[in-house]
Amino acid sequence: MRVCGIVPGAIAGTEGFERLGNMSNLNNKAATEKAFETKASSSQAEILDYAPAPVMRFGEVEDIANCAMYLASPAGAYITGYNVLVDGGVYLTAANPYFHNKAFVDMWAQAKL
């Protein structure tokens, strides 16, 4: 049995993208649901302020699917016990870019857990 994980970065068109890309939506499920209904999306410039990707684009759902297909295919048959980062290189520039953002830290300091 093989066990591998996929660690996605900012993937456009997902709930995580909406929440992490807009500090006002970070803890607001209703706002992110409304954004998907209207097909609105956080601006690329706003998110790049928090997590600049060296590949200069956001991930797409297909990027995650391609990684999963690789791991499930014979090409990845000898890979086990590994988490594959699919984040456009963000991890290389800042391991936890959101923790360096004052708005993020202030908001979560007020969070009710």
Protein backbone atom coordinates (compact mmCIF):
# COMPACT_ATOMS: atom_id res chain seq x y z
CA MET A 1 0.00 0.00 0.00
CA ARG A 2 1.25 3.46 -0.92
CA VAL A 3 0.38 6.62 0.98
CA CYS A 4 0.96 10.01 -0.63
CA GLY A 5 -0.55 13.42 -0.05
CA ILE A 6 -1.15 16.41 -2.27
CA VAL A 7 -0.68 19.84 -0.67
CA PRO A 8 -2.39 22.42 -2.87
CA GLY A 9 -1.61 26.11 -3.04
CA ALA A 10 -3.98 28.85 -4.17
CA ILE A 11 -6.32 27.08 -6.58
CA ALA A 12 -8.56 29.49 -8.51
CA GLY A 13 -12.28 28.82 -8.40
CA THR A 14 -12.28 27.06 -5.03
CA GLU A 15 -13.65 28.03 -1.63
CA GLY A 16 -10.14 28.17 -0.18
CA PHE A 17 -9.10 30.60 -2.89
CA GLU A 18 -11.96 32.94 -2.02
CA ARG A 19 -11.34 32.77 1.72
CA LEU A 20 -7.56 33.12 1.65
CA GLY A 21 -7.54 35.69 -1.14
CA ASN A 22 -9.79 38.19 0.56
CA MET A 23 -9.18 38.95 4.23
CA SER A 24 -12.79 40.12 4.67
CA ASN A 25 -14.04 36.68 3.53
CA LEU A 26 -11.56 34.63 5.53
CA ASN A 27 -14.04 33.58 8.20
CA ASN A 28 -17.25 34.33 6.30
CA LYS A 29 -18.79 31.26 4.66
CA ALA A 30 -21.83 33.21 3.38
CA ALA A 31 -19.59 35.67 1.52
CA THR A 32 -17.65 32.89 -0.19
CA GLU A 33 -20.86 31.08 -1.17
CA LYS A 34 -22.22 34.30 -2.69
CA ALA A 35 -18.96 34.81 -4.60
CA PHE A 36 -19.37 31.40 -6.23
CA GLU A 37 -23.02 32.06 -7.11
CA THR A 38 -22.05 35.24 -8.95
CA LYS A 39 -18.82 33.70 -10.31
CA ALA A 40 -16.90 36.54 -8.66
CA SER A 41 -13.35 35.89 -7.58
CA SER A 42 -10.78 37.62 -5.44
CA SER A 43 -8.41 39.75 -7.44
CA GLN A 44 -5.10 38.23 -8.42
CA ALA A 45 -3.23 41.33 -7.23
CA GLU A 46 -4.83 41.10 -3.78
CA ILE A 47 -3.84 37.48 -3.29
CA LEU A 48 -0.35 37.99 -4.68
CA ASP A 49 0.19 40.53 -1.90
CA TYR A 50 -0.10 37.65 0.57
CA ALA A 51 1.32 34.71 -1.35
CA PRO A 52 3.40 35.62 -4.39
CA ALA A 53 3.79 32.55 -6.58
CA PRO A 54 7.11 32.29 -8.43
CA VAL A 55 5.31 30.79 -11.45
CA MET A 56 3.28 34.04 -11.66
CA ARG A 57 -0.16 32.43 -11.85
CA PHE A 58 -2.68 30.76 -9.61
CA GLY A 59 -3.18 27.05 -9.65
CA GLU A 60 -6.08 25.45 -11.46
CA VAL A 61 -8.10 22.43 -10.44
CA GLU A 62 -6.43 20.61 -13.34
CA ASP A 63 -3.01 21.11 -11.70
CA ILE A 64 -4.16 19.12 -8.67
CA ALA A 65 -5.84 16.52 -10.90
CA ASN A 66 -2.64 16.12 -12.93
CA CYS A 67 -0.64 15.51 -9.76
CA ALA A 68 -3.18 12.91 -8.59
CA MET A 69 -3.09 11.22 -11.99
CA TYR A 70 0.70 11.09 -11.89
CA LEU A 71 0.74 9.55 -8.42
CA ALA A 72 -1.93 7.00 -9.42
CA SER A 73 -0.22 6.11 -12.70
CA PRO A 74 2.62 3.64 -13.30
CA ALA A 75 4.95 6.68 -13.57
CA GLY A 76 4.46 7.33 -9.84
CA ALA A 77 4.31 3.69 -8.76
CA TYR A 78 7.49 3.84 -6.70
CA ILE A 79 6.60 7.01 -4.79
CA THR A 80 5.29 6.47 -1.28
CA GLY A 81 5.15 8.34 2.01
CA TYR A 82 5.51 11.74 0.43
CA ASN A 83 3.46 14.95 0.36
CA VAL A 84 3.66 16.63 -3.03
CA LEU A 85 3.48 20.44 -2.92
CA VAL A 86 1.41 21.80 -5.80
CA ASP A 87 1.61 25.49 -4.98
CA GLY A 88 3.48 27.16 -7.83
CA GLY A 89 6.56 27.55 -5.63
CA VAL A 90 4.93 29.66 -2.89
CA TYR A 91 6.43 27.43 -0.21
CA LEU A 92 9.90 28.31 -1.51
CA THR A 93 9.32 32.03 -0.96
CA ALA A 94 7.53 31.91 2.41
CA ALA A 95 6.55 28.76 4.30
CA ASN A 96 3.51 30.43 5.89
CA PRO A 97 2.91 33.70 4.05
CA TYR A 98 -0.41 34.39 5.78
CA PHE A 99 1.19 34.40 9.21
CA HIS A 100 3.29 37.39 8.13
CA ASN A 101 0.21 39.42 7.24
CA LYS A 102 -0.97 41.71 10.05
CA ALA A 103 -4.63 41.65 8.95
CA PHE A 104 -4.63 37.84 9.04
CA VAL A 105 -2.98 37.65 12.47
CA ASP A 106 -5.29 40.33 13.94
CA MET A 107 -8.40 38.63 12.59
CA TRP A 108 -7.48 35.19 13.90
CA ALA A 109 -6.49 36.67 17.25
CA GLN A 110 -10.18 37.59 17.57
CA ALA A 111 -11.47 34.21 16.31
CA LYS A 112 -13.94 32.23 18.39
CA LEU A 113 -12.75 28.66 18.37
